[in-house]
């Protein structure tokens, strides 16, 4: 009976060590991705500041203002966006995808 208990304890200790190793590997991989502030997190990637991220952030802010002004002015939900604005948004989105595609995620 004592031998069975010792083997079970050894097995549990090995499982605990395996889980600790997995946890350490996870923390080692995610350590470089610690937040560096909201602005830097939104506008940079592994290689530094990127134009397409700044572009998407600016478009989001601009459309947020257009949305708020449209709701305030017309008291309608949701406000109507012009076709030109939506076309520019589509072009901008395509540019983002075009630049994002070749990014390498290590």
C-alpha atoms as a PDB file:
ATOM      1  CA  UNK A   1       0.000   0.000   0.000  1.00  0.00           C
ATOM      2  CA  UNK A   2       2.870   2.370   0.821  1.00  0.00           C
ATOM      3  CA  UNK A   3       4.492   1.625  -2.553  1.00  0.00           C
ATOM      4  CA  UNK A   4       1.299   2.506  -4.424  1.00  0.00           C
ATOM      5  CA  UNK A   5       0.979   5.771  -2.510  1.00  0.00           C
ATOM      6  CA  UNK A   6       4.611   6.685  -3.232  1.00  0.00           C
ATOM      7  CA  UNK A   7       4.183   5.970  -6.958  1.00  0.00           C
ATOM      8  CA  UNK A   8       1.012   8.090  -7.026  1.00  0.00           C
ATOM      9  CA  UNK A   9       2.789  10.938  -5.221  1.00  0.00           C
ATOM     10  CA  UNK A  10       5.674  10.721  -7.702  1.00  0.00           C
ATOM     11  CA  UNK A  11       3.194  10.745 -10.587  1.00  0.00           C
ATOM     12  CA  UNK A  12       1.412  13.808  -9.203  1.00  0.00           C
ATOM     13  CA  UNK A  13       4.720  15.603  -8.647  1.00  0.00           C
ATOM     14  CA  UNK A  14       5.691  14.889 -12.260  1.00  0.00           C
ATOM     15  CA  UNK A  15       2.340  16.278 -13.469  1.00  0.00           C
ATOM     16  CA  UNK A  16       2.796  19.390 -11.348  1.00  0.00           C
ATOM     17  CA  UNK A  17       6.301  19.880 -12.762  1.00  0.00           C
ATOM     18  CA  UNK A  18       4.986  19.453 -16.319  1.00  0.00           C
ATOM     19  CA  UNK A  19       2.320  22.075 -15.723  1.00  0.00           C
ATOM     20  CA  UNK A  20       4.871  24.450 -14.200  1.00  0.00           C
ATOM     21  CA  UNK A  21       7.096  23.971 -17.267  1.00  0.00           C
ATOM     22  CA  UNK A  22       4.165  24.733 -19.583  1.00  0.00           C
ATOM     23  CA  UNK A  23       3.306  27.822 -17.536  1.00  0.00           C
ATOM     24  CA  UNK A  24       6.940  29.021 -17.628  1.00  0.00           C
ATOM     25  CA  UNK A  25       7.075  28.547 -21.409  1.00  0.00           C
ATOM     26  CA  UNK A  26       3.849  30.558 -21.760  1.00  0.00           C
ATOM     27  CA  UNK A  27       5.146  33.402 -19.603  1.00  0.00           C
ATOM     28  CA  UNK A  28       8.457  33.437 -21.486  1.00  0.00           C
ATOM     29  CA  UNK A  29       6.618  33.733 -24.810  1.00  0.00           C
ATOM     30  CA  UNK A  30       4.214  36.440 -23.660  1.00  0.00           C
ATOM     31  CA  UNK A  31       6.747  38.497 -21.701  1.00  0.00           C
ATOM     32  CA  UNK A  32       7.757  40.658 -24.719  1.00  0.00           C
ATOM     33  CA  UNK A  33       4.101  41.633 -25.208  1.00  0.00           C
ATOM     34  CA  UNK A  34       3.638  43.484 -21.946  1.00  0.00           C
ATOM     35  CA  UNK A  35       1.684  46.726 -22.417  1.00  0.00           C
ATOM     36  CA  UNK A  36       3.799  49.801 -23.121  1.00  0.00           C
ATOM     37  CA  UNK A  37       0.960  52.291 -22.912  1.00  0.00           C
ATOM     38  CA  UNK A  38      -2.230  52.670 -24.929  1.00  0.00           C
ATOM     39  CA  UNK A  39      -0.805  54.832 -27.744  1.00  0.00           C
ATOM     40  CA  UNK A  40       2.255  52.659 -28.277  1.00  0.00           C
ATOM     41  CA  UNK A  41       0.212  49.447 -28.102  1.00  0.00           C
ATOM     42  CA  UNK A  42      -2.181  50.710 -30.775  1.00  0.00           C
ATOM     43  CA  UNK A  43       0.382  52.175 -33.183  1.00  0.00           C
ATOM     44  CA  UNK A  44       3.352  49.804 -33.045  1.00  0.00           C
ATOM     45  CA  UNK A  45       4.145  46.179 -33.687  1.00  0.00           C
ATOM     46  CA  UNK A  46       7.302  44.118 -33.188  1.00  0.00           C
ATOM     47  CA  UNK A  47       9.144  46.244 -35.769  1.00  0.00           C
ATOM     48  CA  UNK A  48       8.127  49.629 -34.334  1.00  0.00           C
ATOM     49  CA  UNK A  49       5.579  52.241 -35.445  1.00  0.00           C
ATOM     50  CA  UNK A  50       3.589  51.275 -38.534  1.00  0.00           C
ATOM     51  CA  UNK A  51       1.679  53.553 -40.874  1.00  0.00           C
ATOM     52  CA  UNK A  52      -1.274  51.207 -41.380  1.00  0.00           C
ATOM     53  CA  UNK A  53      -1.959  50.954 -37.645  1.00  0.00           C
ATOM     54  CA  UNK A  54      -1.859  54.747 -37.257  1.00  0.00           C
ATOM     55  CA  UNK A  55      -4.145  55.065 -40.298  1.00  0.00           C
ATOM     56  CA  UNK A  56      -6.747  52.698 -38.836  1.00  0.00           C
ATOM     57  CA  UNK A  57      -6.586  54.482 -35.482  1.00  0.00           C
ATOM     58  CA  UNK A  58      -7.114  57.881 -37.137  1.00  0.00           C
ATOM     59  CA  UNK A  59     -10.039  56.582 -39.220  1.00  0.00           C
ATOM     60  CA  UNK A  60     -11.624  55.132 -36.106  1.00  0.00           C
ATOM     61  CA  UNK A  61     -11.370  58.492 -34.320  1.00  0.00           C
ATOM     62  CA  UNK A  62     -12.683  60.407 -37.354  1.00  0.00           C
ATOM     63  CA  UNK A  63     -15.656  58.076 -37.816  1.00  0.00           C
ATOM     64  CA  UNK A  64     -16.329  58.223 -34.091  1.00  0.00           C
ATOM     65  CA  UNK A  65     -16.613  62.014 -34.318  1.00  0.00           C
ATOM     66  CA  UNK A  66     -18.777  61.789 -37.457  1.00  0.00           C
ATOM     67  CA  UNK A  67     -21.022  59.294 -35.658  1.00  0.00           C
ATOM     68  CA  UNK A  68     -21.365  61.427 -32.518  1.00  0.00           C
ATOM     69  CA  UNK A  69     -22.028  64.608 -34.509  1.00  0.00           C
ATOM     70  CA  UNK A  70     -24.545  62.802 -36.742  1.00  0.00           C
ATOM     71  CA  UNK A  71     -26.472  61.408 -33.775  1.00  0.00           C
ATOM     72  CA  UNK A  72     -26.425  64.765 -31.973  1.00  0.00           C
ATOM     73  CA  UNK A  73     -27.502  66.746 -35.048  1.00  0.00           C
ATOM     74  CA  UNK A  74     -30.201  64.410 -36.403  1.00  0.00           C
ATOM     75  CA  UNK A  75     -31.176  62.616 -33.204  1.00  0.00           C
ATOM     76  CA  UNK A  76     -31.265  59.442 -35.276  1.00  0.00           C
ATOM     77  CA  UNK A  77     -29.606  56.147 -34.614  1.00  0.00           C
ATOM     78  CA  UNK A  78     -27.544  55.205 -36.581  1.00  0.00           C
ATOM     79  CA  UNK A  79     -26.610  58.269 -38.626  1.00  0.00           C
ATOM     80  CA  UNK A  80     -26.243  57.986 -42.390  1.00  0.00           C
ATOM     81  CA  UNK A  81     -22.656  57.903 -43.624  1.00  0.00           C
ATOM     82  CA  UNK A  82     -22.023  59.307 -47.080  1.00  0.00           C
ATOM     83  CA  UNK A  83     -21.030  56.953 -49.896  1.00  0.00           C
ATOM     84  CA  UNK A  84     -17.745  58.829 -50.300  1.00  0.00           C
ATOM     85  CA  UNK A  85     -16.847  58.316 -46.646  1.00  0.00           C
ATOM     86  CA  UNK A  86     -17.669  54.611 -46.864  1.00  0.00           C
ATOM     87  CA  UNK A  87     -15.586  54.266 -50.063  1.00  0.00           C
ATOM     88  CA  UNK A  88     -12.619  55.956 -48.385  1.00  0.00           C
ATOM     89  CA  UNK A  89     -13.063  53.641 -45.420  1.00  0.00           C
ATOM     90  CA  UNK A  90     -13.010  50.632 -47.760  1.00  0.00           C
ATOM     91  CA  UNK A  91      -9.837  51.830 -49.462  1.00  0.00           C
ATOM     92  CA  UNK A  92      -8.244  52.419 -46.074  1.00  0.00           C
ATOM     93  CA  UNK A  93      -9.265  48.942 -44.902  1.00  0.00           C
ATOM     94  CA  UNK A  94      -7.784  47.397 -48.038  1.00  0.00           C
ATOM     95  CA  UNK A  95      -4.551  49.288 -47.384  1.00  0.00           C
ATOM     96  CA  UNK A  96      -4.465  47.967 -43.841  1.00  0.00           C
ATOM     97  CA  UNK A  97      -4.946  44.387 -45.010  1.00  0.00           C
ATOM     98  CA  UNK A  98      -2.321  44.882 -47.726  1.00  0.00           C
ATOM     99  CA  UNK A  99       0.283  46.022 -45.206  1.00  0.00           C
ATOM    100  CA  UNK A 100      -0.789  43.539 -42.532  1.00  0.00           C
ATOM    101  CA  UNK A 101      -0.508  40.478 -44.774  1.00  0.00           C
ATOM    102  CA  UNK A 102       3.329  40.372 -45.057  1.00  0.00           C
ATOM    103  CA  UNK A 103       3.880  41.020 -41.325  1.00  0.00           C
ATOM    104  CA  UNK A 104       5.722  38.205 -39.622  1.00  0.00           C
ATOM    105  CA  UNK A 105       4.485  37.217 -36.179  1.00  0.00           C
ATOM    106  CA  UNK A 106       7.230  35.577 -34.189  1.00  0.00           C
END
